[in-house]
Amino acid sequence: MKKLFLIFMLLCVTSACSTVVGTTTETLKVEGLCGMCKARIENTAKEIDGVTGAEWDGTTKMLTLEFDLAKTKLETISKAIAKAGHDTEKDRADDNVYNSFPDCCKYRI
C-alpha cells in the first residue's frame, strides 16, 4: 500500500511538472518611447490568451514575455503588438494606427 501511495505521488509531481514545461520566457524588440507606449505594449501582450507576463524596458526596447506555448506563440504576440501600432523586430505597425498616436509616442524619424 505504501508503494502504491509513493507511485501515485510521483505521478502527481510528474503531471504538475509537465504543466510548467509548456511555459516559456522570450524577448522581443518593440519600438516605443514613453510611459503610454509601455502601457500599450504590455497591455496588448497581456490580453493574448496564454500570456502570463509582459514587461517592456524603454531603454533597451526589449519586451520580456512569459507565455504558454500550448496557447500562443511569439509570432502571434508580435503581430498583435504591431496591430496596436508598435513596430517589432518581426512586424511593422500599420502607418494609420501609428500616425494616430500622440507625438510623445512617435518613434519613427
N, C-alpha and C. Protein backbone atom coordinates (compact mmCIF):
# COMPACT_ATOMS: atom_id res chain seq x y z
N MET A 1 0.82 -1.19 0.00
CA MET A 1 0.00 0.00 0.00
C MET A 1 0.87 1.26 0.00
N LYS A 2 1.96 1.22 0.75
CA LYS A 2 2.86 2.35 0.82
C LYS A 2 3.50 2.62 -0.54
N LYS A 3 3.83 1.53 -1.27
CA LYS A 3 4.41 1.68 -2.59
C LYS A 3 3.42 2.30 -3.57
N LEU A 4 2.16 1.90 -3.47
CA LEU A 4 1.14 2.48 -4.34
C LEU A 4 1.00 3.98 -4.08
N PHE A 5 1.03 4.36 -2.82
CA PHE A 5 0.93 5.77 -2.47
C PHE A 5 2.12 6.55 -3.03
N LEU A 6 3.33 6.00 -2.93
CA LEU A 6 4.51 6.66 -3.47
C LEU A 6 4.45 6.78 -4.99
N ILE A 7 3.96 5.76 -5.66
CA ILE A 7 3.82 5.81 -7.11
C ILE A 7 2.80 6.87 -7.50
N PHE A 8 1.70 6.92 -6.77
CA PHE A 8 0.67 7.93 -7.03
C PHE A 8 1.24 9.34 -6.85
N MET A 9 1.99 9.56 -5.81
CA MET A 9 2.58 10.87 -5.55
C MET A 9 3.58 11.24 -6.65
N LEU A 10 4.36 10.28 -7.09
CA LEU A 10 5.32 10.52 -8.16
C LEU A 10 4.59 10.92 -9.45
N LEU A 11 3.50 10.26 -9.75
CA LEU A 11 2.71 10.61 -10.93
C LEU A 11 2.13 12.02 -10.81
N CYS A 12 1.68 12.40 -9.64
CA CYS A 12 1.14 13.74 -9.42
C CYS A 12 2.22 14.80 -9.63
N VAL A 13 3.40 14.57 -9.10
CA VAL A 13 4.50 15.52 -9.26
C VAL A 13 4.91 15.62 -10.73
N THR A 14 4.97 14.49 -11.41
CA THR A 14 5.32 14.48 -12.84
C THR A 14 4.28 15.26 -13.64
N SER A 15 3.01 15.09 -13.33
CA SER A 15 1.95 15.82 -14.03
C SER A 15 2.06 17.31 -13.80
N ALA A 16 2.35 17.70 -12.59
CA ALA A 16 2.50 19.12 -12.26
C ALA A 16 3.68 19.72 -13.01
N CYS A 17 4.77 18.99 -13.12
CA CYS A 17 5.94 19.49 -13.84
C CYS A 17 5.68 19.62 -15.32
N SER A 18 4.89 18.73 -15.89
CA SER A 18 4.62 18.81 -17.32
C SER A 18 3.80 20.04 -17.66
N THR A 19 3.01 20.55 -16.72
CA THR A 19 2.26 21.78 -16.93
C THR A 19 3.21 22.96 -17.04
N VAL A 20 4.25 23.00 -16.24
CA VAL A 20 5.22 24.09 -16.24
C VAL A 20 6.08 24.07 -17.50
N VAL A 21 6.32 22.88 -18.05
CA VAL A 21 7.18 22.73 -19.21
C VAL A 21 6.65 23.53 -20.40
N GLY A 22 5.33 23.73 -20.53
CA GLY A 22 4.75 24.46 -21.65
C GLY A 22 4.94 25.95 -21.56
N THR A 23 5.42 26.46 -20.45
CA THR A 23 5.62 27.90 -20.27
C THR A 23 7.04 28.27 -20.65
N THR A 24 7.17 29.37 -21.39
CA THR A 24 8.48 29.82 -21.81
C THR A 24 8.64 31.31 -21.56
N THR A 25 9.87 31.76 -21.52
CA THR A 25 10.18 33.18 -21.42
C THR A 25 11.01 33.54 -22.65
N GLU A 26 10.54 34.57 -23.38
CA GLU A 26 11.25 35.02 -24.57
C GLU A 26 11.25 36.54 -24.60
N THR A 27 12.14 37.10 -25.41
CA THR A 27 12.20 38.56 -25.56
C THR A 27 11.91 38.92 -27.01
N LEU A 28 11.41 40.14 -27.17
CA LEU A 28 11.04 40.65 -28.48
C LEU A 28 11.35 42.14 -28.48
N LYS A 29 12.06 42.61 -29.49
CA LYS A 29 12.34 44.04 -29.59
C LYS A 29 11.09 44.74 -30.09
N VAL A 30 10.67 45.78 -29.35
CA VAL A 30 9.46 46.54 -29.68
C VAL A 30 9.79 48.02 -29.57
N GLU A 31 9.46 48.78 -30.61
CA GLU A 31 9.73 50.22 -30.62
C GLU A 31 8.68 50.96 -29.80
N GLY A 32 9.14 51.99 -29.11
CA GLY A 32 8.28 52.84 -28.30
C GLY A 32 9.13 53.87 -27.59
N LEU A 33 8.50 54.84 -26.94
CA LEU A 33 9.27 55.90 -26.30
C LEU A 33 8.88 56.20 -24.86
N CYS A 34 7.61 56.18 -24.55
CA CYS A 34 7.17 56.76 -23.28
C CYS A 34 6.36 55.78 -22.43
N GLY A 35 5.85 56.31 -21.34
CA GLY A 35 5.03 55.50 -20.44
C GLY A 35 3.74 55.02 -21.08
N MET A 36 3.16 55.85 -21.96
CA MET A 36 1.96 55.40 -22.67
C MET A 36 2.28 54.24 -23.61
N CYS A 37 3.44 54.31 -24.24
CA CYS A 37 3.88 53.21 -25.10
C CYS A 37 4.03 51.93 -24.26
N LYS A 38 4.69 52.06 -23.13
CA LYS A 38 4.91 50.92 -22.24
C LYS A 38 3.59 50.26 -21.88
N ALA A 39 2.62 51.08 -21.47
CA ALA A 39 1.32 50.54 -21.08
C ALA A 39 0.63 49.86 -22.26
N ARG A 40 0.67 50.49 -23.42
CA ARG A 40 0.02 49.94 -24.61
C ARG A 40 0.66 48.61 -25.00
N ILE A 41 1.97 48.56 -25.01
CA ILE A 41 2.70 47.34 -25.40
C ILE A 41 2.40 46.20 -24.42
N GLU A 42 2.56 46.48 -23.13
CA GLU A 42 2.36 45.44 -22.12
C GLU A 42 0.91 44.97 -22.08
N ASN A 43 -0.03 45.91 -22.13
CA ASN A 43 -1.45 45.53 -22.07
C ASN A 43 -1.87 44.73 -23.29
N THR A 44 -1.37 45.10 -24.46
CA THR A 44 -1.68 44.35 -25.68
C THR A 44 -1.20 42.91 -25.54
N ALA A 45 0.02 42.74 -25.06
CA ALA A 45 0.57 41.39 -24.90
C ALA A 45 -0.23 40.58 -23.88
N LYS A 46 -0.56 41.21 -22.75
CA LYS A 46 -1.27 40.51 -21.68
C LYS A 46 -2.70 40.12 -22.05
N GLU A 47 -3.28 40.79 -23.05
CA GLU A 47 -4.64 40.46 -23.49
C GLU A 47 -4.68 39.16 -24.29
N ILE A 48 -3.54 38.69 -24.73
CA ILE A 48 -3.49 37.47 -25.54
C ILE A 48 -3.58 36.25 -24.63
N ASP A 49 -4.50 35.36 -24.98
CA ASP A 49 -4.68 34.13 -24.20
C ASP A 49 -3.37 33.35 -24.15
N GLY A 50 -2.92 33.03 -22.97
CA GLY A 50 -1.68 32.27 -22.78
C GLY A 50 -0.52 33.11 -22.29
N VAL A 51 -0.61 34.44 -22.45
CA VAL A 51 0.46 35.32 -21.96
C VAL A 51 0.24 35.56 -20.48
N THR A 52 1.24 35.22 -19.68
CA THR A 52 1.12 35.38 -18.24
C THR A 52 1.96 36.52 -17.70
N GLY A 53 2.85 37.06 -18.53
CA GLY A 53 3.68 38.18 -18.09
C GLY A 53 4.24 38.94 -19.27
N ALA A 54 4.31 40.27 -19.12
CA ALA A 54 4.89 41.11 -20.17
C ALA A 54 5.49 42.34 -19.51
N GLU A 55 6.77 42.59 -19.74
CA GLU A 55 7.48 43.74 -19.16
C GLU A 55 8.35 44.36 -20.24
N TRP A 56 8.02 45.62 -20.62
CA TRP A 56 8.78 46.32 -21.66
C TRP A 56 9.76 47.28 -21.02
N ASP A 57 11.01 47.25 -21.47
CA ASP A 57 12.06 48.14 -20.98
C ASP A 57 12.27 49.22 -22.03
N GLY A 58 11.93 50.46 -21.69
CA GLY A 58 12.04 51.57 -22.62
C GLY A 58 13.45 51.90 -23.03
N THR A 59 14.42 51.58 -22.22
CA THR A 59 15.82 51.85 -22.54
C THR A 59 16.35 50.88 -23.59
N THR A 60 16.11 49.60 -23.38
CA THR A 60 16.60 48.58 -24.31
C THR A 60 15.62 48.28 -25.43
N LYS A 61 14.37 48.72 -25.26
CA LYS A 61 13.28 48.44 -26.22
C LYS A 61 12.94 46.94 -26.28
N MET A 62 13.29 46.23 -25.23
CA MET A 62 13.04 44.79 -25.20
C MET A 62 11.82 44.46 -24.34
N LEU A 63 10.95 43.64 -24.89
CA LEU A 63 9.77 43.15 -24.19
C LEU A 63 10.06 41.73 -23.74
N THR A 64 10.02 41.51 -22.43
CA THR A 64 10.21 40.17 -21.88
C THR A 64 8.83 39.57 -21.67
N LEU A 65 8.62 38.41 -22.25
CA LEU A 65 7.31 37.76 -22.23
C LEU A 65 7.38 36.40 -21.55
N GLU A 66 6.34 36.08 -20.82
CA GLU A 66 6.14 34.73 -20.29
C GLU A 66 4.82 34.27 -20.87
N PHE A 67 4.85 33.10 -21.53
CA PHE A 67 3.61 32.61 -22.13
C PHE A 67 3.60 31.10 -22.25
N ASP A 68 2.40 30.57 -22.42
CA ASP A 68 2.17 29.14 -22.54
C ASP A 68 2.24 28.76 -24.02
N LEU A 69 3.21 27.95 -24.36
CA LEU A 69 3.42 27.54 -25.75
C LEU A 69 2.24 26.75 -26.32
N ALA A 70 1.43 26.17 -25.46
CA ALA A 70 0.27 25.42 -25.93
C ALA A 70 -0.86 26.36 -26.34
N LYS A 71 -0.80 27.63 -25.90
CA LYS A 71 -1.89 28.57 -26.18
C LYS A 71 -1.53 29.67 -27.18
N THR A 72 -0.27 30.03 -27.28
CA THR A 72 0.12 31.09 -28.21
C THR A 72 1.58 30.93 -28.58
N LYS A 73 2.02 31.76 -29.51
CA LYS A 73 3.42 31.73 -29.93
C LYS A 73 3.92 33.16 -30.10
N LEU A 74 5.21 33.32 -30.16
CA LEU A 74 5.83 34.63 -30.24
C LEU A 74 5.34 35.41 -31.46
N GLU A 75 5.15 34.74 -32.57
CA GLU A 75 4.69 35.40 -33.79
C GLU A 75 3.31 36.02 -33.60
N THR A 76 2.43 35.34 -32.89
CA THR A 76 1.08 35.86 -32.62
C THR A 76 1.16 37.12 -31.77
N ILE A 77 2.02 37.11 -30.77
CA ILE A 77 2.19 38.26 -29.88
C ILE A 77 2.76 39.44 -30.67
N SER A 78 3.76 39.19 -31.50
CA SER A 78 4.38 40.22 -32.31
C SER A 78 3.35 40.88 -33.23
N LYS A 79 2.53 40.08 -33.88
CA LYS A 79 1.51 40.62 -34.79
C LYS A 79 0.49 41.47 -34.03
N ALA A 80 0.10 41.06 -32.84
CA ALA A 80 -0.86 41.83 -32.05
C ALA A 80 -0.29 43.18 -31.64
N ILE A 81 0.98 43.20 -31.26
CA ILE A 81 1.63 44.45 -30.86
C ILE A 81 1.76 45.37 -32.06
N ALA A 82 2.10 44.83 -33.21
CA ALA A 82 2.18 45.64 -34.43
C ALA A 82 0.80 46.18 -34.80
N LYS A 83 -0.23 45.38 -34.62
CA LYS A 83 -1.60 45.82 -34.91
C LYS A 83 -2.00 46.98 -33.98
N ALA A 84 -1.43 46.99 -32.77
CA ALA A 84 -1.70 48.07 -31.81
C ALA A 84 -0.89 49.33 -32.12
N GLY A 85 0.03 49.25 -33.10
CA GLY A 85 0.75 50.44 -33.53
C GLY A 85 2.23 50.48 -33.26
N HIS A 86 2.80 49.40 -32.74
CA HIS A 86 4.23 49.40 -32.41
C HIS A 86 4.99 48.42 -33.28
N ASP A 87 6.05 48.93 -33.94
CA ASP A 87 6.91 48.06 -34.74
C ASP A 87 7.63 47.08 -33.82
N THR A 88 7.75 45.84 -34.28
CA THR A 88 8.55 44.85 -33.57
C THR A 88 9.67 44.41 -34.51
N GLU A 89 10.56 43.60 -34.01
CA GLU A 89 11.63 43.09 -34.86
C GLU A 89 11.09 42.16 -35.94
N LYS A 90 9.84 41.70 -35.79
CA LYS A 90 9.25 40.77 -36.74
C LYS A 90 8.17 41.40 -37.64
N ASP A 91 7.48 42.43 -37.13
CA ASP A 91 6.34 43.01 -37.83
C ASP A 91 6.35 44.53 -37.75
N ARG A 92 5.87 45.16 -38.83
CA ARG A 92 5.78 46.62 -38.86
C ARG A 92 4.33 47.03 -38.61
N ALA A 93 4.16 48.05 -37.79
CA ALA A 93 2.82 48.56 -37.49
C ALA A 93 2.23 49.26 -38.70
N ASP A 94 0.91 49.22 -38.81
CA ASP A 94 0.21 49.94 -39.85
C ASP A 94 0.43 51.45 -39.66
N ASP A 95 0.73 52.15 -40.75
CA ASP A 95 1.01 53.59 -40.67
C ASP A 95 -0.16 54.39 -40.11
N ASN A 96 -1.38 54.01 -40.47
CA ASN A 96 -2.54 54.75 -39.96
C ASN A 96 -2.68 54.66 -38.46
N VAL A 97 -2.43 53.48 -37.91
CA VAL A 97 -2.50 53.31 -36.46
C VAL A 97 -1.38 54.10 -35.79
N TYR A 98 -0.17 53.95 -36.32
CA TYR A 98 0.98 54.66 -35.77
C TYR A 98 0.76 56.17 -35.80
N ASN A 99 0.26 56.70 -36.92
CA ASN A 99 0.06 58.14 -37.07
C ASN A 99 -1.02 58.70 -36.14
N SER A 100 -1.86 57.83 -35.61
CA SER A 100 -2.90 58.28 -34.68
C SER A 100 -2.37 58.47 -33.25
N PHE A 101 -1.13 58.05 -33.00
CA PHE A 101 -0.52 58.19 -31.67
C PHE A 101 -0.27 59.66 -31.34
N PRO A 102 -0.25 59.98 -30.04
CA PRO A 102 0.20 61.32 -29.64
C PRO A 102 1.69 61.48 -30.00
N ASP A 103 2.14 62.71 -30.13
CA ASP A 103 3.52 62.97 -30.55
C ASP A 103 4.56 62.30 -29.65
N CYS A 104 4.28 62.17 -28.36
CA CYS A 104 5.26 61.58 -27.46
C CYS A 104 5.49 60.10 -27.73
N CYS A 105 4.60 59.47 -28.49
CA CYS A 105 4.71 58.05 -28.79
C CYS A 105 5.32 57.77 -30.17
N LYS A 106 5.58 58.81 -30.93
CA LYS A 106 6.05 58.63 -32.31
C LYS A 106 7.57 58.46 -32.33
N TYR A 107 8.00 57.25 -32.54
CA TYR A 107 9.42 56.88 -32.51
C TYR A 107 10.06 56.86 -33.88
N ARG A 108 9.27 56.86 -34.94
CA ARG A 108 9.83 56.86 -36.30
C ARG A 108 10.32 58.26 -36.64
N ILE A 109 11.44 58.33 -37.33
CA ILE A 109 12.01 59.64 -37.70
C ILE A 109 11.68 59.96 -39.13
